[in-house]
């Protein structure tokens, strides 16, 4: 199980902010591990880095998504519901748990 951490508004300095161009992302964050083909209309492209994925619409960032491995999160207590998040997101973040197939 992997937890996706979505940051809204202000981003951490280690992820590209919304509106940044592809050229700026590559210049400031380096070459991604993988680039997906653009799909759909408008064209959506994903650049995959080791700890996060950057989603582009046309040539600009629409979202940066940080991958958080569940095995590094604190263990839940006996009173924690089974599907409850194991970390508390910041005010500008949200978490979603899902199985990621690679």
Protein backbone atom coordinates (compact mmCIF):
# COMPACT_ATOMS: atom_id res chain seq x y z
CA UNK A 1 0.00 0.00 0.00
CA UNK A 2 1.26 3.48 -0.89
CA UNK A 3 -0.07 6.77 0.40
CA UNK A 4 -0.26 9.69 -2.01
CA UNK A 5 0.27 13.08 -0.42
CA UNK A 6 -1.35 15.93 -2.36
CA UNK A 7 -0.08 19.42 -1.53
CA UNK A 8 -2.41 22.31 -2.31
CA UNK A 9 -1.36 25.95 -2.52
CA UNK A 10 2.13 26.36 -1.12
CA UNK A 11 4.41 23.46 -2.02
CA UNK A 12 7.43 22.12 -0.28
CA UNK A 13 10.66 23.40 -1.81
CA UNK A 14 11.45 19.86 -2.97
CA UNK A 15 8.49 19.65 -5.42
CA UNK A 16 7.62 21.79 -8.46
CA UNK A 17 4.82 24.33 -7.83
CA UNK A 18 1.70 24.71 -9.95
CA UNK A 19 2.28 26.76 -13.12
CA UNK A 20 5.98 25.94 -13.53
CA UNK A 21 6.94 25.06 -17.12
CA UNK A 22 8.43 21.71 -18.16
CA UNK A 23 11.72 23.46 -18.99
CA UNK A 24 11.85 25.08 -15.53
CA UNK A 25 11.04 21.76 -13.82
CA UNK A 26 13.83 19.97 -15.67
CA UNK A 27 16.27 22.83 -14.98
CA UNK A 28 15.43 23.08 -11.26
CA UNK A 29 14.64 19.44 -10.38
CA UNK A 30 16.62 17.45 -12.97
CA UNK A 31 15.66 14.79 -15.47
CA UNK A 32 12.82 12.54 -14.26
CA UNK A 33 13.21 8.79 -13.92
CA UNK A 34 10.35 8.32 -16.39
CA UNK A 35 8.20 10.51 -18.66
CA UNK A 36 4.77 9.28 -19.77
CA UNK A 37 3.27 10.06 -23.16
CA UNK A 38 0.75 12.89 -23.28
CA UNK A 39 -2.80 11.51 -23.24
CA UNK A 40 -6.23 13.09 -23.64
CA UNK A 41 -7.42 16.57 -24.46
CA UNK A 42 -6.03 18.69 -22.96
CA UNK A 43 -2.85 16.60 -23.08
CA UNK A 44 -1.80 15.34 -19.65
CA UNK A 45 1.80 14.21 -19.11
CA UNK A 46 3.38 12.75 -15.97
CA UNK A 47 7.03 12.99 -15.03
CA UNK A 48 8.00 10.47 -12.39
CA UNK A 49 10.76 11.23 -9.91
CA UNK A 50 11.92 8.87 -7.13
CA UNK A 51 9.74 10.45 -4.40
CA UNK A 52 7.03 12.31 -6.32
CA UNK A 53 5.21 12.63 -9.63
CA UNK A 54 4.64 15.89 -11.50
CA UNK A 55 1.46 16.16 -13.58
CA UNK A 56 1.45 18.58 -16.52
CA UNK A 57 -1.39 19.96 -18.62
CA UNK A 58 0.11 21.06 -21.91
CA UNK A 59 3.56 22.27 -20.78
CA UNK A 60 2.80 23.49 -17.23
CA UNK A 61 2.54 21.83 -13.80
CA UNK A 62 -1.01 21.29 -12.56
CA UNK A 63 -0.08 19.12 -9.54
CA UNK A 64 2.89 17.59 -7.78
CA UNK A 65 2.13 14.40 -5.87
CA UNK A 66 4.50 13.09 -3.21
CA UNK A 67 4.71 9.32 -2.71
CA UNK A 68 4.87 8.33 0.95
CA UNK A 69 5.65 4.70 1.71
CA UNK A 70 3.30 3.36 4.36
CA UNK A 71 6.00 1.21 5.92
CA UNK A 72 7.80 4.38 7.12
CA UNK A 73 4.69 5.88 8.71
CA UNK A 74 4.10 5.44 12.45
CA UNK A 75 2.21 2.31 13.42
CA UNK A 76 -1.48 2.81 14.29
CA UNK A 77 -2.61 2.37 17.87
CA UNK A 78 -5.18 -0.21 19.03
CA UNK A 79 -7.92 2.48 18.88
CA UNK A 80 -7.07 3.70 15.36
CA UNK A 81 -9.63 2.71 12.68
CA UNK A 82 -8.21 0.34 10.06
CA UNK A 83 -8.47 2.86 7.20
CA UNK A 84 -7.43 5.95 9.17
CA UNK A 85 -4.35 7.86 7.95
CA UNK A 86 -1.20 7.06 9.91
CA UNK A 87 0.08 10.63 9.58
CA UNK A 88 -1.71 13.94 9.91
CA UNK A 89 -1.56 16.07 6.75
CA UNK A 90 -0.69 19.74 6.98
CA UNK A 91 -3.40 22.34 6.38
CA UNK A 92 -2.54 22.48 2.67
CA UNK A 93 -2.33 18.69 2.18
CA UNK A 94 -4.61 15.69 1.80
CA UNK A 95 -3.81 11.98 1.79
CA UNK A 96 -5.30 9.15 -0.24
CA UNK A 97 -4.42 5.49 0.29
CA UNK A 98 -4.45 3.15 -2.68
CA UNK A 99 -2.68 0.19 -4.20
CA UNK A 100 -0.28 1.36 -6.89
CA UNK A 101 0.53 -1.03 -9.71
CA UNK A 102 3.83 -0.34 -11.41
